[in-house]
PDB file of N, CA and C in Angstrom:
ATOM      1  N   UNK A   1      65.657-155.146   3.307  1.00  0.00           N
ATOM      2  CA  UNK A   1      65.069-154.236   4.270  1.00  0.00           C
ATOM      3  C   UNK A   1      65.329-152.834   3.824  1.00  0.00           C
ATOM      4  N   UNK A   2      64.301-152.032   3.802  1.00  0.00           N
ATOM      5  CA  UNK A   2      64.431-150.681   3.435  1.00  0.00           C
ATOM      6  C   UNK A   2      64.956-149.811   4.554  1.00  0.00           C
ATOM      7  N   UNK A   3      65.775-148.816   4.100  1.00  0.00           N
ATOM      8  CA  UNK A   3      66.433-147.874   5.098  1.00  0.00           C
ATOM      9  C   UNK A   3      65.464-146.781   5.440  1.00  0.00           C
ATOM     10  N   UNK A   4      65.380-146.494   6.710  1.00  0.00           N
ATOM     11  CA  UNK A   4      64.493-145.399   7.184  1.00  0.00           C
ATOM     12  C   UNK A   4      65.296-144.135   7.171  1.00  0.00           C
ATOM     13  N   UNK A   5      64.658-143.048   6.730  1.00  0.00           N
ATOM     14  CA  UNK A   5      65.354-141.818   6.725  1.00  0.00           C
ATOM     15  C   UNK A   5      65.267-141.167   8.141  1.00  0.00           C
ATOM     16  N   UNK A   6      66.320-140.516   8.568  1.00  0.00           N
ATOM     17  CA  UNK A   6      66.353-139.852   9.899  1.00  0.00           C
ATOM     18  C   UNK A   6      65.492-138.612   9.952  1.00  0.00           C
ATOM     19  N   UNK A   7      65.209-137.956   8.840  1.00  0.00           N
ATOM     20  CA  UNK A   7      64.415-136.769   8.883  1.00  0.00           C
ATOM     21  C   UNK A   7      62.991-137.036   9.333  1.00  0.00           C
ATOM     22  N   UNK A   8      62.252-137.939   8.695  1.00  0.00           N
ATOM     23  CA  UNK A   8      60.877-138.199   9.253  1.00  0.00           C
ATOM     24  C   UNK A   8      60.831-138.671  10.674  1.00  0.00           C
ATOM     25  N   UNK A   9      61.806-139.557  11.086  1.00  0.00           N
ATOM     26  CA  UNK A   9      61.810-139.976  12.409  1.00  0.00           C
ATOM     27  C   UNK A   9      62.051-138.834  13.383  1.00  0.00           C
ATOM     28  N   UNK A  10      63.017-138.003  13.078  1.00  0.00           N
ATOM     29  CA  UNK A  10      63.375-136.815  13.906  1.00  0.00           C
ATOM     30  C   UNK A  10      62.182-135.864  13.980  1.00  0.00           C
ATOM     31  N   UNK A  11      61.553-135.615  12.879  1.00  0.00           N
ATOM     32  CA  UNK A  11      60.384-134.733  12.892  1.00  0.00           C
ATOM     33  C   UNK A  11      59.333-135.322  13.759  1.00  0.00           C
ATOM     34  N   UNK A  12      59.073-136.631  13.666  1.00  0.00           N
ATOM     35  CA  UNK A  12      58.058-137.275  14.479  1.00  0.00           C
ATOM     36  C   UNK A  12      58.396-137.194  16.009  1.00  0.00           C
ATOM     37  N   UNK A  13      59.631-137.383  16.326  1.00  0.00           N
ATOM     38  CA  UNK A  13      60.018-137.229  17.793  1.00  0.00           C
ATOM     39  C   UNK A  13      59.887-135.842  18.280  1.00  0.00           C
ATOM     40  N   UNK A  14      60.262-134.868  17.474  1.00  0.00           N
ATOM     41  CA  UNK A  14      60.183-133.470  17.776  1.00  0.00           C
ATOM     42  C   UNK A  14      58.702-133.057  18.014  1.00  0.00           C
ATOM     43  N   UNK A  15      57.818-133.440  17.161  1.00  0.00           N
ATOM     44  CA  UNK A  15      56.398-133.133  17.184  1.00  0.00           C
ATOM     45  C   UNK A  15      55.741-133.793  18.433  1.00  0.00           C
ATOM     46  N   UNK A  16      56.178-134.991  18.700  1.00  0.00           N
ATOM     47  CA  UNK A  16      55.704-135.731  19.899  1.00  0.00           C
ATOM     48  C   UNK A  16      56.093-134.986  21.116  1.00  0.00           C
ATOM     49  N   UNK A  17      57.309-134.495  21.263  1.00  0.00           N
ATOM     50  CA  UNK A  17      57.758-133.794  22.417  1.00  0.00           C
ATOM     51  C   UNK A  17      57.029-132.511  22.549  1.00  0.00           C
ATOM     52  N   UNK A  18      56.766-131.718  21.443  1.00  0.00           N
ATOM     53  CA  UNK A  18      55.981-130.534  21.534  1.00  0.00           C
ATOM     54  C   UNK A  18      54.655-130.836  22.049  1.00  0.00           C
ATOM     55  N   UNK A  19      53.994-131.887  21.528  1.00  0.00           N
ATOM     56  CA  UNK A  19      52.624-132.194  21.929  1.00  0.00           C
ATOM     57  C   UNK A  19      52.599-132.565  23.420  1.00  0.00           C
ATOM     58  N   UNK A  20      53.623-133.350  23.932  1.00  0.00           N
ATOM     59  CA  UNK A  20      53.640-133.713  25.318  1.00  0.00           C
ATOM     60  C   UNK A  20      53.799-132.437  26.215  1.00  0.00           C
ATOM     61  N   UNK A  21      54.668-131.513  25.839  1.00  0.00           N
ATOM     62  CA  UNK A  21      54.843-130.305  26.613  1.00  0.00           C
ATOM     63  C   UNK A  21      53.558-129.480  26.599  1.00  0.00           C
ATOM     64  N   UNK A  22      52.891-129.319  25.501  1.00  0.00           N
ATOM     65  CA  UNK A  22      51.651-128.559  25.471  1.00  0.00           C
ATOM     66  C   UNK A  22      50.599-129.229  26.322  1.00  0.00           C
ATOM     67  N   UNK A  23      50.429-130.572  26.240  1.00  0.00           N
ATOM     68  CA  UNK A  23      49.482-131.262  26.950  1.00  0.00           C
ATOM     69  C   UNK A  23      49.678-131.152  28.422  1.00  0.00           C
ATOM     70  N   UNK A  24      50.939-131.211  28.888  1.00  0.00           N
ATOM     71  CA  UNK A  24      51.207-131.160  30.360  1.00  0.00           C
ATOM     72  C   UNK A  24      50.969-129.717  30.916  1.00  0.00           C
ATOM     73  N   UNK A  25      51.010-128.773  30.100  1.00  0.00           N
ATOM     74  CA  UNK A  25      50.792-127.443  30.641  1.00  0.00           C
ATOM     75  C   UNK A  25      49.352-126.908  30.366  1.00  0.00           C
ATOM     76  N   UNK A  26      48.545-127.753  29.782  1.00  0.00           N
ATOM     77  CA  UNK A  26      47.145-127.322  29.406  1.00  0.00           C
ATOM     78  C   UNK A  26      46.323-126.965  30.663  1.00  0.00           C
ATOM     79  N   UNK A  27      46.540-127.634  31.825  1.00  0.00           N
ATOM     80  CA  UNK A  27      45.686-127.432  32.970  1.00  0.00           C
ATOM     81  C   UNK A  27      46.272-126.527  34.028  1.00  0.00           C
ATOM     82  N   UNK A  28      47.449-125.974  33.722  1.00  0.00           N
ATOM     83  CA  UNK A  28      48.224-125.195  34.670  1.00  0.00           C
ATOM     84  C   UNK A  28      48.127-123.691  34.357  1.00  0.00           C
ATOM     85  N   UNK A  29      49.189-123.018  34.750  1.00  0.00           N
ATOM     86  CA  UNK A  29      49.349-121.611  34.532  1.00  0.00           C
ATOM     87  C   UNK A  29      48.813-121.066  33.221  1.00  0.00           C
ATOM     88  N   UNK A  30      48.033-120.117  33.184  1.00  0.00           N
ATOM     89  CA  UNK A  30      47.608-119.489  31.959  1.00  0.00           C
ATOM     90  C   UNK A  30      46.639-120.236  31.187  1.00  0.00           C
ATOM     91  N   UNK A  31      45.870-121.127  31.753  1.00  0.00           N
ATOM     92  CA  UNK A  31      44.986-121.907  31.123  1.00  0.00           C
ATOM     93  C   UNK A  31      43.538-121.263  30.974  1.00  0.00           C
ATOM     94  N   UNK A  32      43.354-120.201  31.763  1.00  0.00           N
ATOM     95  CA  UNK A  32      42.099-119.505  31.661  1.00  0.00           C
ATOM     96  C   UNK A  32      42.178-118.289  30.784  1.00  0.00           C
ATOM     97  N   UNK A  33      41.055-117.871  30.184  1.00  0.00           N
ATOM     98  CA  UNK A  33      40.909-116.629  29.500  1.00  0.00           C
ATOM     99  C   UNK A  33      40.320-115.638  30.519  1.00  0.00           C
ATOM    100  N   UNK A  34      40.617-114.361  30.426  1.00  0.00           N
ATOM    101  CA  UNK A  34      40.157-113.338  31.402  1.00  0.00           C
ATOM    102  C   UNK A  34      38.634-113.407  31.617  1.00  0.00           C
ATOM    103  N   UNK A  35      37.870-113.781  30.620  1.00  0.00           N
ATOM    104  CA  UNK A  35      36.416-113.724  30.746  1.00  0.00           C
ATOM    105  C   UNK A  35      35.991-115.016  31.499  1.00  0.00           C
ATOM    106  N   UNK A  36      36.873-115.930  31.785  1.00  0.00           N
ATOM    107  CA  UNK A  36      36.514-117.103  32.552  1.00  0.00           C
ATOM    108  C   UNK A  36      36.734-116.876  34.094  1.00  0.00           C
ATOM    109  N   UNK A  37      37.399-115.830  34.433  1.00  0.00           N
ATOM    110  CA  UNK A  37      37.872-115.612  35.810  1.00  0.00           C
ATOM    111  C   UNK A  37      36.617-115.527  36.746  1.00  0.00           C
ATOM    112  N   UNK A  38      35.585-114.730  36.326  1.00  0.00           N
ATOM    113  CA  UNK A  38      34.398-114.615  37.222  1.00  0.00           C
ATOM    114  C   UNK A  38      33.840-115.929  37.672  1.00  0.00           C
ATOM    115  N   UNK A  39      33.609-116.871  36.737  1.00  0.00           N
ATOM    116  CA  UNK A  39      33.054-118.166  37.115  1.00  0.00           C
ATOM    117  C   UNK A  39      34.105-119.009  37.999  1.00  0.00           C
ATOM    118  N   UNK A  40      35.301-118.985  37.615  1.00  0.00           N
ATOM    119  CA  UNK A  40      36.296-119.690  38.410  1.00  0.00           C
ATOM    120  C   UNK A  40      36.396-119.153  39.859  1.00  0.00           C
ATOM    121  N   UNK A  41      36.434-117.841  39.969  1.00  0.00           N
ATOM    122  CA  UNK A  41      36.423-117.231  41.291  1.00  0.00           C
ATOM    123  C   UNK A  41      35.167-117.434  42.085  1.00  0.00           C
ATOM    124  N   UNK A  42      34.026-117.414  41.448  1.00  0.00           N
ATOM    125  CA  UNK A  42      32.744-117.682  42.144  1.00  0.00           C
ATOM    126  C   UNK A  42      32.818-118.995  42.791  1.00  0.00           C
ATOM    127  N   UNK A  43      33.342-119.983  42.132  1.00  0.00           N
ATOM    128  CA  UNK A  43      33.509-121.298  42.760  1.00  0.00           C
ATOM    129  C   UNK A  43      34.587-121.299  43.837  1.00  0.00           C
ATOM    130  N   UNK A  44      35.699-120.803  43.517  1.00  0.00           N
ATOM    131  CA  UNK A  44      36.771-120.638  44.549  1.00  0.00           C
ATOM    132  C   UNK A  44      36.335-119.995  45.823  1.00  0.00           C
ATOM    133  N   UNK A  45      35.520-119.014  45.750  1.00  0.00           N
ATOM    134  CA  UNK A  45      35.062-118.252  46.908  1.00  0.00           C
ATOM    135  C   UNK A  45      33.707-118.690  47.436  1.00  0.00           C
ATOM    136  N   UNK A  46      33.093-119.790  46.946  1.00  0.00           N
ATOM    137  CA  UNK A  46      31.826-120.185  47.291  1.00  0.00           C
ATOM    138  C   UNK A  46      31.609-120.583  48.782  1.00  0.00           C
ATOM    139  N   UNK A  47      32.637-121.038  49.384  1.00  0.00           N
ATOM    140  CA  UNK A  47      32.471-121.562  50.714  1.00  0.00           C
ATOM    141  C   UNK A  47      33.001-120.584  51.887  1.00  0.00           C
ATOM    142  N   UNK A  48      33.505-119.446  51.529  1.00  0.00           N
ATOM    143  CA  UNK A  48      34.004-118.529  52.429  1.00  0.00           C
ATOM    144  C   UNK A  48      32.881-117.609  52.982  1.00  0.00           C
ATOM    145  N   UNK A  49      33.088-117.053  54.215  1.00  0.00           N
ATOM    146  CA  UNK A  49      32.151-116.180  54.773  1.00  0.00           C
ATOM    147  C   UNK A  49      32.503-114.699  54.364  1.00  0.00           C
ATOM    148  N   UNK A  50      33.635-114.495  53.729  1.00  0.00           N
ATOM    149  CA  UNK A  50      34.160-113.189  53.244  1.00  0.00           C
ATOM    150  C   UNK A  50      34.109-113.139  51.740  1.00  0.00           C
ATOM    151  N   UNK A  51      32.876-113.287  51.176  1.00  0.00           N
ATOM    152  CA  UNK A  51      32.759-113.444  49.721  1.00  0.00           C
ATOM    153  C   UNK A  51      33.282-112.243  48.935  1.00  0.00           C
ATOM    154  N   UNK A  52      32.935-111.021  49.406  1.00  0.00           N
ATOM    155  CA  UNK A  52      33.283-109.857  48.603  1.00  0.00           C
ATOM    156  C   UNK A  52      34.723-109.600  48.478  1.00  0.00           C
ATOM    157  N   UNK A  53      35.529-109.656  49.593  1.00  0.00           N
ATOM    158  CA  UNK A  53      37.008-109.504  49.390  1.00  0.00           C
ATOM    159  C   UNK A  53      37.603-110.686  48.618  1.00  0.00           C
ATOM    160  N   UNK A  54      37.112-111.910  48.936  1.00  0.00           N
ATOM    161  CA  UNK A  54      37.618-113.109  48.250  1.00  0.00           C
ATOM    162  C   UNK A  54      37.397-112.953  46.715  1.00  0.00           C
ATOM    163  N   UNK A  55      36.235-112.555  46.249  1.00  0.00           N
ATOM    164  CA  UNK A  55      35.966-112.341  44.856  1.00  0.00           C
ATOM    165  C   UNK A  55      36.865-111.261  44.246  1.00  0.00           C
ATOM    166  N   UNK A  56      36.970-110.138  44.979  1.00  0.00           N
ATOM    167  CA  UNK A  56      37.735-109.050  44.472  1.00  0.00           C
ATOM    168  C   UNK A  56      39.253-109.489  44.221  1.00  0.00           C
ATOM    169  N   UNK A  57      39.850-110.099  45.237  1.00  0.00           N
ATOM    170  CA  UNK A  57      41.273-110.471  45.084  1.00  0.00           C
ATOM    171  C   UNK A  57      41.429-111.698  44.150  1.00  0.00           C
ATOM    172  N   UNK A  58      40.501-112.704  44.196  1.00  0.00           N
ATOM    173  CA  UNK A  58      40.601-113.708  43.277  1.00  0.00           C
ATOM    174  C   UNK A  58      40.510-113.309  41.791  1.00  0.00           C
ATOM    175  N   UNK A  59      39.596-112.414  41.553  1.00  0.00           N
ATOM    176  CA  UNK A  59      39.495-111.886  40.084  1.00  0.00           C
ATOM    177  C   UNK A  59      40.716-111.159  39.776  1.00  0.00           C
ATOM    178  N   UNK A  60      41.229-110.283  40.673  1.00  0.00           N
ATOM    179  CA  UNK A  60      42.475-109.553  40.281  1.00  0.00           C
ATOM    180  C   UNK A  60      43.590-110.511  40.074  1.00  0.00           C
ATOM    181  N   UNK A  61      43.710-111.530  40.868  1.00  0.00           N
ATOM    182  CA  UNK A  61      44.856-112.515  40.653  1.00  0.00           C
ATOM    183  C   UNK A  61      44.606-113.318  39.415  1.00  0.00           C
ATOM    184  N   UNK A  62      43.393-113.703  39.136  1.00  0.00           N
ATOM    185  CA  UNK A  62      43.128-114.462  37.913  1.00  0.00           C
ATOM    186  C   UNK A  62      43.378-113.723  36.692  1.00  0.00           C
ATOM    187  N   UNK A  63      43.020-112.390  36.628  1.00  0.00           N
ATOM    188  CA  UNK A  63      43.320-111.638  35.496  1.00  0.00           C
ATOM    189  C   UNK A  63      44.772-111.451  35.224  1.00  0.00           C
ATOM    190  N   UNK A  64      45.532-111.422  36.316  1.00  0.00           N
ATOM    191  CA  UNK A  64      47.050-111.292  36.148  1.00  0.00           C
ATOM    192  C   UNK A  64      47.659-112.617  35.780  1.00  0.00           C
ATOM    193  N   UNK A  65      47.229-113.662  36.443  1.00  0.00           N
ATOM    194  CA  UNK A  65      47.928-115.040  36.360  1.00  0.00           C
ATOM    195  C   UNK A  65      47.259-115.882  35.324  1.00  0.00           C
ATOM    196  N   UNK A  66      45.926-115.614  34.990  1.00  0.00           N
ATOM    197  CA  UNK A  66      45.152-116.481  34.057  1.00  0.00           C
ATOM    198  C   UNK A  66      45.018-117.915  34.575  1.00  0.00           C
ATOM    199  N   UNK A  67      44.903-118.006  35.889  1.00  0.00           N
ATOM    200  CA  UNK A  67      44.817-119.309  36.562  1.00  0.00           C
ATOM    201  C   UNK A  67      44.141-119.126  37.947  1.00  0.00           C
ATOM    202  N   UNK A  68      43.322-120.062  38.327  1.00  0.00           N
ATOM    203  CA  UNK A  68      42.747-120.130  39.636  1.00  0.00           C
ATOM    204  C   UNK A  68      42.868-121.540  40.104  1.00  0.00           C
ATOM    205  N   UNK A  69      43.445-121.777  41.295  1.00  0.00           N
ATOM    206  CA  UNK A  69      43.597-123.188  41.810  1.00  0.00           C
ATOM    207  C   UNK A  69      42.210-123.886  41.895  1.00  0.00           C
ATOM    208  N   UNK A  70      42.238-125.145  41.787  1.00  0.00           N
ATOM    209  CA  UNK A  70      41.045-125.955  41.824  1.00  0.00           C
ATOM    210  C   UNK A  70      40.542-125.989  43.248  1.00  0.00           C
ATOM    211  N   UNK A  71      39.280-126.189  43.464  1.00  0.00           N
ATOM    212  CA  UNK A  71      38.684-126.355  44.764  1.00  0.00           C
ATOM    213  C   UNK A  71      38.402-124.978  45.375  1.00  0.00           C
ATOM    214  N   UNK A  72      37.923-125.007  46.567  1.00  0.00           N
ATOM    215  CA  UNK A  72      37.534-123.823  47.302  1.00  0.00           C
ATOM    216  C   UNK A  72      38.544-123.375  48.259  1.00  0.00           C
ATOM    217  N   UNK A  73      39.644-124.173  48.442  1.00  0.00           N
ATOM    218  CA  UNK A  73      40.711-123.813  49.360  1.00  0.00           C
ATOM    219  C   UNK A  73      41.923-124.618  48.980  1.00  0.00           C
ATOM    220  N   UNK A  74      43.147-124.061  49.265  1.00  0.00           N
ATOM    221  CA  UNK A  74      44.361-124.823  48.968  1.00  0.00           C
ATOM    222  C   UNK A  74      44.634-125.013  47.477  1.00  0.00           C
ATOM    223  N   UNK A  75      45.401-125.962  47.152  1.00  0.00           N
ATOM    224  CA  UNK A  75      45.862-126.320  45.786  1.00  0.00           C
ATOM    225  C   UNK A  75      46.597-125.180  45.106  1.00  0.00           C
ATOM    226  N   UNK A  76      47.087-124.237  45.832  1.00  0.00           N
ATOM    227  CA  UNK A  76      47.734-123.082  45.201  1.00  0.00           C
ATOM    228  C   UNK A  76      49.050-123.462  44.378  1.00  0.00           C
ATOM    229  N   UNK A  77      49.581-124.596  44.649  1.00  0.00           N
ATOM    230  CA  UNK A  77      50.761-125.095  43.949  1.00  0.00           C
ATOM    231  C   UNK A  77      50.378-125.311  42.411  1.00  0.00           C
ATOM    232  N   UNK A  78      49.093-125.365  42.143  1.00  0.00           N
ATOM    233  CA  UNK A  78      48.670-125.534  40.680  1.00  0.00           C
ATOM    234  C   UNK A  78      48.907-124.231  39.941  1.00  0.00           C
ATOM    235  N   UNK A  79      49.020-123.136  40.553  1.00  0.00           N
ATOM    236  CA  UNK A  79      49.102-121.811  39.983  1.00  0.00           C
ATOM    237  C   UNK A  79      50.290-121.059  40.614  1.00  0.00           C
ATOM    238  N   UNK A  80      51.537-121.294  40.221  1.00  0.00           N
ATOM    239  CA  UNK A  80      52.637-120.585  40.863  1.00  0.00           C
ATOM    240  C   UNK A  80      52.494-119.051  40.956  1.00  0.00           C
ATOM    241  N   UNK A  81      52.027-118.393  39.937  1.00  0.00           N
ATOM    242  CA  UNK A  81      51.925-116.994  39.855  1.00  0.00           C
ATOM    243  C   UNK A  81      50.853-116.512  40.926  1.00  0.00           C
ATOM    244  N   UNK A  82      49.753-117.277  40.998  1.00  0.00           N
ATOM    245  CA  UNK A  82      48.696-116.959  41.995  1.00  0.00           C
ATOM    246  C   UNK A  82      49.236-117.217  43.364  1.00  0.00           C
ATOM    247  N   UNK A  83      50.032-118.186  43.524  1.00  0.00           N
ATOM    248  CA  UNK A  83      50.558-118.603  44.835  1.00  0.00           C
ATOM    249  C   UNK A  83      51.672-117.666  45.302  1.00  0.00           C
ATOM    250  N   UNK A  84      52.455-117.157  44.419  1.00  0.00           N
ATOM    251  CA  UNK A  84      53.630-116.383  44.753  1.00  0.00           C
ATOM    252  C   UNK A  84      53.432-114.887  44.870  1.00  0.00           C
ATOM    253  N   UNK A  85      52.191-114.430  44.541  1.00  0.00           N
ATOM    254  CA  UNK A  85      51.923-112.987  44.557  1.00  0.00           C
ATOM    255  C   UNK A  85      51.634-112.693  46.038  1.00  0.00           C
ATOM    256  N   UNK A  86      52.443-111.800  46.697  1.00  0.00           N
ATOM    257  CA  UNK A  86      52.307-111.502  48.125  1.00  0.00           C
ATOM    258  C   UNK A  86      51.910-110.108  48.355  1.00  0.00           C
ATOM    259  N   UNK A  87      51.402-109.844  49.514  1.00  0.00           N
ATOM    260  CA  UNK A  87      51.108-108.486  50.007  1.00  0.00           C
ATOM    261  C   UNK A  87      52.417-107.805  50.406  1.00  0.00           C
ATOM    262  N   UNK A  88      52.395-106.492  50.691  1.00  0.00           N
ATOM    263  CA  UNK A  88      53.531-105.829  51.183  1.00  0.00           C
ATOM    264  C   UNK A  88      54.063-106.501  52.513  1.00  0.00           C
ATOM    265  N   UNK A  89      53.183-107.054  53.322  1.00  0.00           N
ATOM    266  CA  UNK A  89      53.554-107.607  54.554  1.00  0.00           C
ATOM    267  C   UNK A  89      54.087-109.051  54.329  1.00  0.00           C
ATOM    268  N   UNK A  90      54.035-109.569  53.114  1.00  0.00           N
ATOM    269  CA  UNK A  90      54.518-110.915  52.867  1.00  0.00           C
ATOM    270  C   UNK A  90      53.457-112.007  52.901  1.00  0.00           C
ATOM    271  N   UNK A  91      52.226-111.673  53.196  1.00  0.00           N
ATOM    272  CA  UNK A  91      51.127-112.693  53.227  1.00  0.00           C
ATOM    273  C   UNK A  91      50.672-112.952  51.794  1.00  0.00           C
ATOM    274  N   UNK A  92      49.773-113.951  51.693  1.00  0.00           N
ATOM    275  CA  UNK A  92      49.272-114.256  50.380  1.00  0.00           C
ATOM    276  C   UNK A  92      48.321-113.193  49.890  1.00  0.00           C
ATOM    277  N   UNK A  93      48.427-112.780  48.611  1.00  0.00           N
ATOM    278  CA  UNK A  93      47.522-111.816  48.066  1.00  0.00           C
ATOM    279  C   UNK A  93      46.236-112.446  47.508  1.00  0.00           C
ATOM    280  N   UNK A  94      46.455-113.687  47.012  1.00  0.00           N
ATOM    281  CA  UNK A  94      45.357-114.341  46.338  1.00  0.00           C
ATOM    282  C   UNK A  94      44.730-115.409  47.233  1.00  0.00           C
ATOM    283  N   UNK A  95      43.381-115.448  47.242  1.00  0.00           N
ATOM    284  CA  UNK A  95      42.702-116.433  48.157  1.00  0.00           C
ATOM    285  C   UNK A  95      42.783-117.855  47.648  1.00  0.00           C
TER     286      UNK A  95
END
């Protein structure tokens, strides 16, 4: 039986872990490019009756956080930066 070298096995394990970490973060924080914010925010704000302020703050938050939560409401836990940015009064800054 041939002996396996630890170097190739260790390298394989390390590369596998890097791949899994990258894959798990692909849909989360920082997954958008700034030029994608307008489309993401248009959908995020599509069901509100306050479109203009929603789009303004969503785009501002997206450009800072590079993330917009899925759906038209809620799901802010998907984007911690977007969720944790607060107004001076302590309310949510991002729609």
